[in-house]
C-alpha atoms as a PDB file:
ATOM      1  CA  MET A   1      -6.763  13.915   8.343  1.00  0.00           C
ATOM      2  CA  GLU A   2      -7.043  14.158   4.601  1.00  0.00           C
ATOM      3  CA  TYR A   3      -4.986  13.058   1.894  1.00  0.00           C
ATOM      4  CA  ARG A   4      -3.619  16.017  -0.082  1.00  0.00           C
ATOM      5  CA  ASN A   5       0.031  15.003  -0.322  1.00  0.00           C
ATOM      6  CA  ILE A   6       0.388  11.550  -1.855  1.00  0.00           C
ATOM      7  CA  LEU A   7       3.934   9.856  -2.728  1.00  0.00           C
ATOM      8  CA  VAL A   8       4.357   7.202  -4.933  1.00  0.00           C
ATOM      9  CA  HIS A   9       7.270   4.983  -5.477  1.00  0.00           C
ATOM     10  CA  LEU A  10       8.166   4.013  -9.038  1.00  0.00           C
ATOM     11  CA  ASP A  11      10.681   1.431 -10.716  1.00  0.00           C
ATOM     12  CA  GLU A  12      11.231  -0.515 -13.496  1.00  0.00           C
ATOM     13  CA  SER A  13       9.015  -3.056 -12.920  1.00  0.00           C
ATOM     14  CA  GLU A  14       6.289  -4.242 -15.002  1.00  0.00           C
ATOM     15  CA  SER A  15       3.343  -3.151 -12.868  1.00  0.00           C
ATOM     16  CA  ALA A  16       4.815   0.244 -11.962  1.00  0.00           C
ATOM     17  CA  ARG A  17       2.379   1.868 -14.443  1.00  0.00           C
ATOM     18  CA  LYS A  18      -0.451   0.656 -12.876  1.00  0.00           C
ATOM     19  CA  ARG A  19       0.729   1.124  -9.383  1.00  0.00           C
ATOM     20  CA  LEU A  20       1.369   5.164 -10.654  1.00  0.00           C
ATOM     21  CA  ASP A  21      -2.407   5.089 -12.521  1.00  0.00           C
ATOM     22  CA  VAL A  22      -3.688   4.176  -8.549  1.00  0.00           C
ATOM     23  CA  ALA A  23      -1.995   6.973  -7.136  1.00  0.00           C
ATOM     24  CA  LEU A  24      -3.677   9.542  -9.394  1.00  0.00           C
ATOM     25  CA  ARG A  25      -6.756   7.865  -9.135  1.00  0.00           C
ATOM     26  CA  VAL A  26      -6.551   8.304  -5.638  1.00  0.00           C
ATOM     27  CA  ALA A  27      -5.181  11.795  -5.850  1.00  0.00           C
ATOM     28  CA  GLN A  28      -8.092  12.715  -8.397  1.00  0.00           C
ATOM     29  CA  ARG A  29     -10.750  11.676  -5.523  1.00  0.00           C
ATOM     30  CA  HIS A  30      -9.094  13.391  -2.848  1.00  0.00           C
ATOM     31  CA  ARG A  31      -7.541  16.449  -5.028  1.00  0.00           C
ATOM     32  CA  ALA A  32      -4.050  15.754  -3.628  1.00  0.00           C
ATOM     33  CA  HIS A  33      -0.730  16.580  -4.698  1.00  0.00           C
ATOM     34  CA  VAL A  34       1.244  13.630  -6.185  1.00  0.00           C
ATOM     35  CA  SER A  35       5.300  13.412  -5.612  1.00  0.00           C
ATOM     36  CA  ALA A  36       6.188  10.615  -7.902  1.00  0.00           C
ATOM     37  CA  LEU A  37       9.844   8.846  -6.934  1.00  0.00           C
ATOM     38  CA  PHE A  38      11.401   7.079  -9.496  1.00  0.00           C
ATOM     39  CA  ALA A  39      14.261   4.665  -8.080  1.00  0.00           C
ATOM     40  CA  PRO A  40      15.232   1.185  -8.752  1.00  0.00           C
ATOM     41  CA  THR A  41      15.097  -1.292  -5.515  1.00  0.00           C
ATOM     42  CA  VAL A  42      18.569  -2.310  -6.538  1.00  0.00           C
ATOM     43  CA  GLN A  43      21.096   0.989  -5.678  1.00  0.00           C
ATOM     44  CA  GLU A  44      23.354   1.338  -8.475  1.00  0.00           C
ATOM     45  CA  HIS A  45      26.998   1.598  -8.680  1.00  0.00           C
ATOM     46  CA  ASP A  46      28.215   2.481 -12.117  1.00  0.00           C
ATOM     47  CA  VAL A  47      31.688   2.080 -11.667  1.00  0.00           C
ATOM     48  CA  ALA A  48      31.091  -1.508 -10.381  1.00  0.00           C
ATOM     49  CA  TYR A  49      29.198  -2.643 -13.182  1.00  0.00           C
ATOM     50  CA  ALA A  50      31.328  -1.427 -15.240  1.00  0.00           C
ATOM     51  CA  PHE A  51      33.952  -3.993 -14.307  1.00  0.00           C
ATOM     52  CA  VAL A  52      32.032  -6.658 -13.922  1.00  0.00           C
ATOM     53  CA  LEU A  53      29.725  -6.335 -17.137  1.00  0.00           C
ATOM     54  CA  ASN A  54      30.653  -6.025 -20.637  1.00  0.00           C
ATOM     55  CA  ALA A  55      30.534  -2.351 -21.641  1.00  0.00           C
ATOM     56  CA  GLU A  56      28.037  -2.642 -24.653  1.00  0.00           C
ATOM     57  CA  TYR A  57      25.579  -4.747 -22.435  1.00  0.00           C
ATOM     58  CA  TRP A  58      25.963  -2.271 -19.762  1.00  0.00           C
ATOM     59  CA  SER A  59      25.344   0.641 -21.959  1.00  0.00           C
ATOM     60  CA  GLN A  60      21.945  -1.123 -23.430  1.00  0.00           C
ATOM     61  CA  CYS A  61      20.840  -1.718 -19.471  1.00  0.00           C
ATOM     62  CA  GLN A  62      21.419   1.834 -19.013  1.00  0.00           C
ATOM     63  CA  HIS A  63      19.619   2.902 -22.135  1.00  0.00           C
ATOM     64  CA  GLU A  64      16.844   0.443 -21.042  1.00  0.00           C
ATOM     65  CA  HIS A  65      16.681   2.176 -17.955  1.00  0.00           C
ATOM     66  CA  GLU A  66      16.550   6.034 -18.922  1.00  0.00           C
ATOM     67  CA  ALA A  67      13.927   4.797 -22.001  1.00  0.00           C
ATOM     68  CA  CYS A  68      11.582   3.507 -18.719  1.00  0.00           C
ATOM     69  CA  ARG A  69      12.283   6.524 -16.715  1.00  0.00           C
ATOM     70  CA  ARG A  70      11.172   8.686 -19.726  1.00  0.00           C
ATOM     71  CA  ALA A  71       7.763   6.586 -20.197  1.00  0.00           C
ATOM     72  CA  LEU A  72       6.896   6.755 -16.926  1.00  0.00           C
ATOM     73  CA  GLU A  73       7.241  10.699 -16.323  1.00  0.00           C
ATOM     74  CA  HIS A  74       5.962  11.588 -19.877  1.00  0.00           C
ATOM     75  CA  HIS A  75       2.818   9.312 -18.974  1.00  0.00           C
ATOM     76  CA  PHE A  76       2.726  11.243 -15.012  1.00  0.00           C
ATOM     77  CA  PHE A  77       2.918  14.381 -16.433  1.00  0.00           C
ATOM     78  CA  GLY A  78       0.177  13.843 -18.874  1.00  0.00           C
ATOM     79  CA  SER A  79      -2.140  12.349 -16.952  1.00  0.00           C
ATOM     80  CA  LEU A  80      -1.535  14.985 -14.273  1.00  0.00           C
ATOM     81  CA  ALA A  81      -2.886  17.610 -16.602  1.00  0.00           C
ATOM     82  CA  GLU A  82      -5.709  15.473 -17.945  1.00  0.00           C
ATOM     83  CA  ALA A  83      -7.072  15.101 -14.324  1.00  0.00           C
ATOM     84  CA  GLY A  84      -6.556  18.622 -13.642  1.00  0.00           C
ATOM     85  CA  LEU A  85      -3.879  17.725 -10.728  1.00  0.00           C
ATOM     86  CA  LYS A  86      -0.585  18.986  -9.490  1.00  0.00           C
ATOM     87  CA  GLY A  87       2.787  16.825  -8.990  1.00  0.00           C
ATOM     88  CA  ASN A  88       6.216  16.872  -9.224  1.00  0.00           C
ATOM     89  CA  TRP A  89       8.712  14.300 -10.256  1.00  0.00           C
ATOM     90  CA  ARG A  90      12.081  12.901  -8.777  1.00  0.00           C
ATOM     91  CA  THR A  91      14.957  10.329  -9.664  1.00  0.00           C
ATOM     92  CA  ALA A  92      16.958   9.089  -6.909  1.00  0.00           C
ATOM     93  CA  THR A  93      19.338   6.051  -6.971  1.00  0.00           C
ATOM     94  CA  HIS A  94      18.721   5.084  -2.948  1.00  0.00           C
ATOM     95  CA  ALA A  95      14.820   3.772  -3.095  1.00  0.00           C
ATOM     96  CA  GLN A  96      14.722   3.267   0.638  1.00  0.00           C
ATOM     97  CA  HIS A  97      16.558   6.290   1.675  1.00  0.00           C
ATOM     98  CA  GLU A  98      14.604   8.804  -0.900  1.00  0.00           C
ATOM     99  CA  LEU A  99      11.450   6.919   0.337  1.00  0.00           C
ATOM    100  CA  LEU A 100      11.961   7.272   4.230  1.00  0.00           C
ATOM    101  CA  MET A 101      13.053  11.050   3.921  1.00  0.00           C
ATOM    102  CA  ARG A 102      10.125  11.813   2.025  1.00  0.00           C
ATOM    103  CA  ALA A 103       7.793  10.285   3.993  1.00  0.00           C
ATOM    104  CA  ARG A 104       7.388  12.849   6.828  1.00  0.00           C
ATOM    105  CA  PHE A 105       5.757  14.944   3.945  1.00  0.00           C
ATOM    106  CA  ALA A 106       3.367  12.631   2.500  1.00  0.00           C
ATOM    107  CA  ASP A 107      -0.263  11.680   3.591  1.00  0.00           C
ATOM    108  CA  LEU A 108      -0.267   8.548   2.268  1.00  0.00           C
ATOM    109  CA  ILE A 109       2.913   6.271   0.368  1.00  0.00           C
ATOM    110  CA  VAL A 110       1.784   4.296  -2.533  1.00  0.00           C
ATOM    111  CA  LEU A 111       3.927   0.874  -2.993  1.00  0.00           C
ATOM    112  CA  GLY A 112       3.374  -2.162  -5.228  1.00  0.00           C
ATOM    113  CA  GLN A 113       3.571  -5.692  -4.473  1.00  0.00           C
ATOM    114  CA  SER A 114       6.553  -7.669  -6.064  1.00  0.00           C
ATOM    115  CA  GLY A 115       5.629  -9.859  -8.624  1.00  0.00           C
ATOM    116  CA  PRO A 116       6.597 -13.602  -9.093  1.00  0.00           C
ATOM    117  CA  ASP A 117       8.856 -13.169 -11.923  1.00  0.00           C
ATOM    118  CA  ASP A 118      11.128  -9.983 -10.220  1.00  0.00           C
ATOM    119  CA  PRO A 119      14.549 -10.798 -10.419  1.00  0.00           C
ATOM    120  CA  TYR A 120      14.859  -8.343  -7.515  1.00  0.00           C
ATOM    121  CA  ALA A 121      11.554  -9.304  -5.369  1.00  0.00           C
ATOM    122  CA  SER A 122      13.033 -10.216  -2.471  1.00  0.00           C
ATOM    123  CA  LEU A 123      15.400  -6.916  -2.355  1.00  0.00           C
ATOM    124  CA  ALA A 124      11.568  -5.058  -3.230  1.00  0.00           C
ATOM    125  CA  ASN A 125      10.083  -6.854   0.009  1.00  0.00           C
ATOM    126  CA  ARG A 126      12.534  -5.768   2.057  1.00  0.00           C
ATOM    127  CA  LEU A 127      12.245  -2.302   1.175  1.00  0.00           C
ATOM    128  CA  GLN A 128       8.696  -2.388   1.038  1.00  0.00           C
ATOM    129  CA  ALA A 129       8.104  -3.983   4.836  1.00  0.00           C
ATOM    130  CA  ARG A 130      11.313  -1.290   6.316  1.00  0.00           C
ATOM    131  CA  VAL A 131       8.756   1.606   4.295  1.00  0.00           C
ATOM    132  CA  THR A 132       5.407   0.006   6.013  1.00  0.00           C
ATOM    133  CA  LEU A 133       6.482  -0.537   9.124  1.00  0.00           C
ATOM    134  CA  SER A 134       9.226   2.853   9.621  1.00  0.00           C
ATOM    135  CA  ALA A 135       7.331   5.578   7.984  1.00  0.00           C
ATOM    136  CA  GLY A 136       4.874   6.138  10.448  1.00  0.00           C
ATOM    137  CA  ARG A 137       2.357   6.992   7.388  1.00  0.00           C
ATOM    138  CA  PRO A 138      -0.213   5.159   6.120  1.00  0.00           C
ATOM    139  CA  VAL A 139       0.751   2.759   3.010  1.00  0.00           C
ATOM    140  CA  LEU A 140      -1.676   1.874   0.095  1.00  0.00           C
ATOM    141  CA  TRP A 141      -0.150  -1.138  -1.621  1.00  0.00           C
ATOM    142  CA  VAL A 142      -0.836  -1.787  -5.192  1.00  0.00           C
ATOM    143  CA  PRO A 143      -1.050  -5.624  -6.357  1.00  0.00           C
ATOM    144  CA  HIS A 144       0.828  -6.456  -9.170  1.00  0.00           C
ATOM    145  CA  GLU A 145      -1.777  -8.104 -11.030  1.00  0.00           C
ATOM    146  CA  GLY A 146      -5.425  -7.060 -12.030  1.00  0.00           C
ATOM    147  CA  GLY A 147      -7.179  -3.824 -13.011  1.00  0.00           C
ATOM    148  CA  PHE A 148      -8.761  -1.355 -10.399  1.00  0.00           C
ATOM    149  CA  PRO A 149     -11.080   1.147 -11.476  1.00  0.00           C
ATOM    150  CA  THR A 150     -12.299   1.992  -8.357  1.00  0.00           C
ATOM    151  CA  VAL A 151     -10.356   2.089  -4.977  1.00  0.00           C
ATOM    152  CA  GLY A 152     -12.416   3.130  -1.805  1.00  0.00           C
ATOM    153  CA  GLU A 153     -15.746   2.736  -2.756  1.00  0.00           C
ATOM    154  CA  ARG A 154     -16.495  -0.309  -1.195  1.00  0.00           C
ATOM    155  CA  VAL A 155     -14.177  -0.264   1.780  1.00  0.00           C
ATOM    156  CA  MET A 156     -13.785  -3.361   4.340  1.00  0.00           C
ATOM    157  CA  VAL A 157     -11.861  -2.784   7.623  1.00  0.00           C
ATOM    158  CA  ALA A 158     -10.013  -5.571   9.866  1.00  0.00           C
ATOM    159  CA  TRP A 159     -10.766  -4.517  13.510  1.00  0.00           C
ATOM    160  CA  ASN A 160      -9.500  -6.039  16.651  1.00  0.00           C
ATOM    161  CA  ALA A 161      -8.641  -3.054  18.681  1.00  0.00           C
ATOM    162  CA  ASP A 162      -5.027  -2.982  18.783  1.00  0.00           C
ATOM    163  CA  GLN A 163      -2.670  -0.202  18.120  1.00  0.00           C
ATOM    164  CA  PRO A 164      -1.875  -0.690  14.254  1.00  0.00           C
ATOM    165  CA  ALA A 165      -5.401  -1.670  13.949  1.00  0.00           C
ATOM    166  CA  THR A 166      -6.490   1.710  15.353  1.00  0.00           C
ATOM    167  CA  ARG A 167      -3.709   3.391  13.693  1.00  0.00           C
ATOM    168  CA  ALA A 168      -4.852   2.239  10.437  1.00  0.00           C
ATOM    169  CA  LEU A 169      -8.799   2.457  10.731  1.00  0.00           C
ATOM    170  CA  PHE A 170      -7.830   6.734  11.459  1.00  0.00           C
ATOM    171  CA  ASP A 171      -5.914   6.777   8.782  1.00  0.00           C
ATOM    172  CA  ALA A 172      -8.297   5.783   6.414  1.00  0.00           C
ATOM    173  CA  LEU A 173     -10.633   8.153   7.421  1.00  0.00           C
ATOM    174  CA  PRO A 174     -10.500   9.842   4.232  1.00  0.00           C
ATOM    175  CA  PHE A 175     -11.221   6.695   1.992  1.00  0.00           C
ATOM    176  CA  MET A 176     -14.464   6.018   4.508  1.00  0.00           C
ATOM    177  CA  ARG A 177     -15.670   9.539   4.099  1.00  0.00           C
ATOM    178  CA  LEU A 178     -15.993   8.716   0.498  1.00  0.00           C
ATOM    179  CA  ALA A 179     -16.811   5.258   0.476  1.00  0.00           C
ATOM    180  CA  GLU A 180     -20.468   4.044  -0.487  1.00  0.00           C
ATOM    181  CA  HIS A 181     -20.088   1.190   1.614  1.00  0.00           C
ATOM    182  CA  THR A 182     -17.787   0.248   4.785  1.00  0.00           C
ATOM    183  CA  GLU A 183     -17.711  -2.740   6.427  1.00  0.00           C
ATOM    184  CA  LEU A 184     -15.766  -3.111   9.775  1.00  0.00           C
ATOM    185  CA  VAL A 185     -14.802  -7.121  10.388  1.00  0.00           C
ATOM    186  CA  THR A 186     -14.002  -8.578  13.441  1.00  0.00           C
ATOM    187  CA  PHE A 187     -13.266 -11.870  14.781  1.00  0.00           C
ATOM    188  CA  THR A 188     -14.335 -14.068  17.727  1.00  0.00           C
ATOM    189  CA  LEU A 189     -13.666 -12.324  21.177  1.00  0.00           C
ATOM    190  CA  ALA A 190     -12.078 -14.005  23.907  1.00  0.00           C
ATOM    191  CA  ARG A 191     -14.371 -15.909  26.432  1.00  0.00           C
ATOM    192  CA  LYS A 192     -13.600 -13.177  28.816  1.00  0.00           C
ATOM    193  CA  GLU A 193     -15.197 -10.627  26.521  1.00  0.00           C
ATOM    194  CA  LYS A 194     -18.200 -12.556  25.364  1.00  0.00           C
ATOM    195  CA  ASP A 195     -20.526 -10.135  26.973  1.00  0.00           C
ATOM    196  CA  ARG A 196     -19.781  -7.392  25.036  1.00  0.00           C
ATOM    197  CA  ILE A 197     -20.572  -6.842  21.285  1.00  0.00           C
ATOM    198  CA  PRO A 198     -17.924  -7.217  18.793  1.00  0.00           C
ATOM    199  CA  GLY A 199     -17.187  -3.869  17.048  1.00  0.00           C
ATOM    200  CA  ALA A 200     -19.876  -2.082  18.701  1.00  0.00           C
ATOM    201  CA  ASP A 201     -17.251   0.542  20.486  1.00  0.00           C
ATOM    202  CA  ILE A 202     -15.049   1.896  17.480  1.00  0.00           C
ATOM    203  CA  GLY A 203     -18.641   1.645  15.645  1.00  0.00           C
ATOM    204  CA  LEU A 204     -19.907   4.346  17.956  1.00  0.00           C
ATOM    205  CA  VAL A 205     -17.184   6.625  17.154  1.00  0.00           C
ATOM    206  CA  LEU A 206     -17.259   6.102  13.645  1.00  0.00           C
ATOM    207  CA  ALA A 207     -20.900   6.904  13.691  1.00  0.00           C
ATOM    208  CA  ARG A 208     -19.858  10.232  15.482  1.00  0.00           C
ATOM    209  CA  HIS A 209     -17.406  10.863  12.431  1.00  0.00           C
ATOM    210  CA  GLY A 210     -21.068  10.836  10.162  1.00  0.00           C
ATOM    211  CA  LEU A 211     -20.073   7.511   8.887  1.00  0.00           C
ATOM    212  CA  ASP A 212     -22.736   4.190   8.437  1.00  0.00           C
ATOM    213  CA  VAL A 213     -20.509   1.291   9.012  1.00  0.00           C
ATOM    214  CA  GLN A 214     -21.535  -2.492   8.770  1.00  0.00           C
ATOM    215  CA  VAL A 215     -19.919  -4.428  11.908  1.00  0.00           C
ATOM    216  CA  THR A 216     -19.491  -8.002  10.967  1.00  0.00           C
ATOM    217  CA  GLU A 217     -18.125 -10.485  12.910  1.00  0.00           C
ATOM    218  CA  LEU A 218     -16.451 -13.754  11.654  1.00  0.00           C
ATOM    219  CA  HIS A 219     -16.281 -16.950  12.899  1.00  0.00           C
ATOM    220  CA  PRO A 220     -13.265 -18.806  10.970  1.00  0.00           C
ATOM    221  CA  PRO A 221     -12.865 -22.475  12.077  1.00  0.00           C
ATOM    222  CA  PRO A 222      -9.521 -23.817  13.718  1.00  0.00           C
ATOM    223  CA  THR A 223      -8.187 -24.765  10.241  1.00  0.00           C
ATOM    224  CA  ILE A 224      -8.511 -21.163   8.530  1.00  0.00           C
ATOM    225  CA  THR A 225      -6.164 -18.441   9.708  1.00  0.00           C
ATOM    226  CA  VAL A 226      -7.069 -14.660  10.235  1.00  0.00           C
ATOM    227  CA  GLY A 227      -5.268 -13.851   6.954  1.00  0.00           C
ATOM    228  CA  ASP A 228      -7.287 -16.126   5.193  1.00  0.00           C
ATOM    229  CA  ALA A 229     -10.394 -15.322   6.283  1.00  0.00           C
ATOM    230  CA  LEU A 230      -9.825 -11.721   5.764  1.00  0.00           C
ATOM    231  CA  LEU A 231      -8.846 -12.790   1.774  1.00  0.00           C
ATOM    232  CA  ALA A 232     -12.181 -15.028   1.588  1.00  0.00           C
ATOM    233  CA  ARG A 233     -14.468 -12.213   2.900  1.00  0.00           C
ATOM    234  CA  ALA A 234     -13.009  -9.781   0.748  1.00  0.00           C
ATOM    235  CA  GLY A 235     -13.545 -12.183  -2.263  1.00  0.00           C
ATOM    236  CA  LYS A 236     -17.384 -12.599  -0.971  1.00  0.00           C
ATOM    237  CA  THR A 237     -18.004  -9.012  -0.606  1.00  0.00           C
ATOM    238  CA  GLY A 238     -16.489  -7.402  -3.791  1.00  0.00           C
ATOM    239  CA  CYS A 239     -14.787  -5.072  -1.719  1.00  0.00           C
ATOM    240  CA  ASP A 240     -12.012  -2.634  -3.422  1.00  0.00           C
ATOM    241  CA  LEU A 241      -9.964  -1.610  -0.486  1.00  0.00           C
ATOM    242  CA  ILE A 242      -8.728  -3.974   2.518  1.00  0.00           C
ATOM    243  CA  VAL A 243      -7.638  -1.582   5.490  1.00  0.00           C
ATOM    244  CA  MET A 244      -5.573  -3.244   8.366  1.00  0.00           C
ATOM    245  CA  GLY A 245      -3.041  -3.017  10.540  1.00  0.00           C
ATOM    246  CA  ALA A 246       0.512  -3.755   9.545  1.00  0.00           C
ATOM    247  CA  TYR A 247       1.913  -6.377  12.106  1.00  0.00           C
ATOM    248  CA  GLY A 248       5.635  -6.929  12.270  1.00  0.00           C
ATOM    249  CA  HIS A 249       8.566  -8.426  14.486  1.00  0.00           C
ATOM    250  CA  ALA A 250      12.602  -6.847  14.476  1.00  0.00           C
ATOM    251  CA  ARG A 251      15.332  -8.940  13.569  1.00  0.00           C
ATOM    252  CA  TRP A 252      18.966  -7.709  13.874  1.00  0.00           C
ATOM    253  CA  LYS A 253      19.265  -4.895  11.021  1.00  0.00           C
ATOM    254  CA  GLU A 254      16.215  -5.929   9.725  1.00  0.00           C
ATOM    255  CA  LEU A 255      11.986  -5.431  10.039  1.00  0.00           C
ATOM    256  CA  LEU A 256      10.151  -8.244   9.233  1.00  0.00           C
ATOM    257  CA  LEU A 257       6.584  -8.647   8.448  1.00  0.00           C
ATOM    258  CA  GLY A 258       3.818 -10.817  10.649  1.00  0.00           C
ATOM    259  CA  GLY A 259       1.853 -13.791   9.568  1.00  0.00           C
ATOM    260  CA  VAL A 260      -0.865 -12.067   8.980  1.00  0.00           C
ATOM    261  CA  THR A 261       0.588  -9.319   7.273  1.00  0.00           C
ATOM    262  CA  GLN A 262       2.219 -11.528   4.504  1.00  0.00           C
ATOM    263  CA  THR A 263      -0.725 -13.611   4.262  1.00  0.00           C
ATOM    264  CA  VAL A 264      -2.669 -11.003   3.021  1.00  0.00           C
ATOM    265  CA  LEU A 265       0.189  -8.871   1.078  1.00  0.00           C
ATOM    266  CA  GLY A 266       1.245 -12.015  -0.431  1.00  0.00           C
ATOM    267  CA  SER A 267      -2.474 -12.636  -2.112  1.00  0.00           C
ATOM    268  CA  MET A 268      -4.081  -9.816  -1.955  1.00  0.00           C
ATOM    269  CA  PRO A 269      -6.868  -9.210  -4.797  1.00  0.00           C
ATOM    270  CA  VAL A 270      -7.115  -5.266  -4.221  1.00  0.00           C
ATOM    271  CA  PRO A 271      -5.102  -2.592  -2.766  1.00  0.00           C
ATOM    272  CA  VAL A 272      -4.647  -2.883   0.929  1.00  0.00           C
ATOM    273  CA  LEU A 273      -4.369   0.129   3.201  1.00  0.00           C
ATOM    274  CA  MET A 274      -1.831  -0.762   5.903  1.00  0.00           C
ATOM    275  CA  SER A 275      -0.634   1.352   9.061  1.00  0.00           C
ATOM    276  CA  HIS A 276       2.305   0.424  11.616  1.00  0.00           C
END
C-alpha cells in the first residue's frame, strides 16, 4: 500500500492549521492527493441556537466560524499550489458521519489531539476514538502542541505481535520505506516464550521488504506502564513518528480507547500512527 489519498479533518480549534500543515507535509513526501474536511465537532442546529442565544451574539459566532473556515481554506489551496499538490475541500456540519463515510476512500486519515483548553474536548475525544476504532484505515494523530518539521524520518514501532499491532505495522510501511531509521520496540515476553528472540520473526519479514530495522527489547519495571515506557523511549531516541495498534473496548452505544492507547495519545510528543 502507498499513501495516495490523505483525508484531514479540520475544525475551529487553534491546532487545526498545524494539523493541516502536517497532512500537507506527509502528502508532499508521498505525492498524495489531499482531501480536507472542515466540520465542527459539535453538530450545528441553527434554529435551536437562534431561540436560545441572543441574535446578535449568534450572528457574531457565525461570522467567526465563517472567517475561520475561509482562512483555513485559503491556506489549504495556497499550500497545495506552493507544493505542487492536488486536493479538494469540503465543508460539512456533521464531522463523524462525513469522516466515516469518506474514510473508505482514504489511505490515511489525519486527526488532531484535543487541547486541554478546548471546551468541546470530551466530544472531540469521542469523535476521534470512534473514527480510529471504526474507520478501518490508519489514523495519524497530530499533537496539539509542538512543531513537527519532519514526520516519518525516524520511526518507532510498538510491537507485540497481536492483530492491532500487525495492522499498524503494515499500514506504516509507506513511512518506513522512506525513513532514515526505524526501530521496532518489543517488551519482555512471557516465560513460555523466552526461548524466542523478541521481534526476530517480524524483523525477518521486514527485511524481505528491503527494510533495515533495529529491534529493541524493553524491560520496564512493574511500576512503569507500557504506555509510559513507550513515551520514555520516544523521548530518548528522538523519533518523529510512533506507530502502534489502537486498542479499545465497546460499551453501550460508544467505543472507548484502551489504557495504553489513552496514555500515548494523552501525552504524545510526536505524531502517532494508529490502526485497529
